[in-house]
Amino acid sequence: MKLSDVILEVKFQTHTGMVRVRYKDEVTTQDVAELIRASSGVTIVSTAGHDEIRDTATLKIKVVSKKGPVEAFKALKARVLKKIPVITAFEIGEKTITTN
């Protein structure tokens, strides 16, 4: 079996959803979006809204994963909260998740 055959058998899906993050006041919304964009599996991060007074941002995120839609976003949440200490909360809008 060739490597190209194995790669073709792997079924990756893209999932898009909205999340709300709370972050420390030492960073900006743009910094938070860039940090999340650097996480594995994340392809696109767009800012849908933000509140600089409350240090929160609503982001539209697109992930690539072999997992199901909700599982993929829960895995992303675990990675983000573990690896990015300036993000203090990560809420997933499960009803906003779609599979492309």
Protein backbone atom coordinates (compact mmCIF):
# COMPACT_ATOMS: atom_id res chain seq x y z
CA MET A 1 0.00 0.00 0.00
CA LYS A 2 1.37 3.37 -1.00
CA LEU A 3 1.46 6.37 1.28
CA SER A 4 -0.77 8.30 -1.12
CA ASP A 5 -3.43 5.57 -0.78
CA VAL A 6 -3.32 5.86 3.01
CA ILE A 7 -3.64 9.64 2.86
CA LEU A 8 -6.67 9.36 0.58
CA GLU A 9 -8.38 6.97 3.02
CA VAL A 10 -8.14 9.35 5.97
CA LYS A 11 -11.39 11.29 6.27
CA PHE A 12 -10.81 14.81 7.51
CA GLN A 13 -13.78 17.14 7.92
CA THR A 14 -13.96 20.86 8.39
CA HIS A 15 -16.21 22.26 11.09
CA THR A 16 -17.14 25.91 11.59
CA GLY A 17 -18.55 27.33 14.81
CA MET A 18 -18.77 30.32 17.12
CA VAL A 19 -16.95 30.55 20.44
CA ARG A 20 -16.73 33.19 23.12
CA VAL A 21 -13.42 33.65 24.89
CA ARG A 22 -12.49 35.65 27.94
CA TYR A 23 -8.91 36.79 28.18
CA LYS A 24 -6.59 38.73 30.45
CA ASP A 25 -6.45 42.50 29.95
CA GLU A 26 -2.80 42.38 28.92
CA VAL A 27 -3.69 41.21 25.39
CA THR A 28 -6.01 42.45 22.64
CA THR A 29 -8.73 40.65 20.72
CA GLN A 30 -6.43 40.45 17.71
CA ASP A 31 -3.71 38.82 19.83
CA VAL A 32 -6.19 36.23 21.08
CA ALA A 33 -7.36 35.44 17.53
CA GLU A 34 -3.76 35.00 16.38
CA LEU A 35 -2.93 32.73 19.32
CA ILE A 36 -5.93 30.50 18.61
CA ARG A 37 -5.14 30.50 14.88
CA ALA A 38 -1.73 29.05 15.77
CA SER A 39 -3.35 26.03 17.46
CA SER A 40 -3.20 22.72 15.62
CA GLY A 41 -6.21 21.98 13.45
CA VAL A 42 -7.39 25.60 13.26
CA THR A 43 -7.54 27.00 9.74
CA ILE A 44 -9.51 30.26 10.06
CA VAL A 45 -10.31 32.61 12.95
CA SER A 46 -12.52 35.66 12.36
CA THR A 47 -13.60 38.16 14.98
CA ALA A 48 -17.39 38.43 15.06
CA GLY A 49 -17.46 40.85 17.98
CA HIS A 50 -15.61 41.94 21.09
CA ASP A 51 -16.04 43.84 24.34
CA GLU A 52 -12.77 45.41 25.45
CA ILE A 53 -14.28 46.50 28.78
CA ARG A 54 -15.16 42.91 29.76
CA ASP A 55 -12.17 41.41 27.90
CA THR A 56 -14.31 39.02 25.85
CA ALA A 57 -14.44 38.21 22.16
CA THR A 58 -16.79 36.22 19.96
CA LEU A 59 -14.89 34.36 17.28
CA LYS A 60 -15.88 32.31 14.25
CA ILE A 61 -13.46 29.40 14.04
CA LYS A 62 -12.93 26.77 11.36
CA VAL A 63 -11.20 23.54 12.38
CA VAL A 64 -10.04 20.47 10.46
CA SER A 65 -10.39 17.17 12.28
CA LYS A 66 -11.18 13.49 11.96
CA LYS A 67 -13.43 13.85 15.02
CA GLY A 68 -17.09 14.80 15.02
CA PRO A 69 -18.05 18.49 15.15
CA VAL A 70 -18.64 18.90 18.89
CA GLU A 71 -15.73 16.62 19.79
CA ALA A 72 -13.40 18.66 17.58
CA PHE A 73 -14.36 21.91 19.31
CA LYS A 74 -14.09 20.34 22.78
CA ALA A 75 -10.59 19.14 21.89
CA LEU A 76 -9.74 22.66 20.70
CA LYS A 77 -11.06 24.10 23.97
CA ALA A 78 -8.86 21.74 25.99
CA ARG A 79 -5.78 22.64 23.90
CA VAL A 80 -6.42 26.39 24.09
CA LEU A 81 -7.02 26.50 27.84
CA LYS A 82 -3.94 24.34 28.46
CA LYS A 83 -1.51 26.04 26.06
CA ILE A 84 -2.59 29.71 26.07
CA PRO A 85 -2.56 31.07 29.64
CA VAL A 86 -3.94 34.52 28.70
CA ILE A 87 -7.26 32.90 27.74
CA THR A 88 -9.26 32.32 30.91
CA ALA A 89 -12.57 30.99 29.50
CA PHE A 90 -13.65 29.32 26.26
CA GLU A 91 -17.37 28.79 25.60
CA ILE A 92 -18.49 26.78 22.58
CA GLY A 93 -21.73 27.69 20.83
CA GLU A 94 -22.66 24.09 20.06
CA LYS A 95 -25.77 25.09 18.09
CA THR A 96 -23.61 27.18 15.74
CA ILE A 97 -21.33 24.32 14.67
CA THR A 98 -21.68 23.17 11.07
CA THR A 99 -19.76 20.61 9.06
CA ASN A 100 -18.53 21.71 5.64
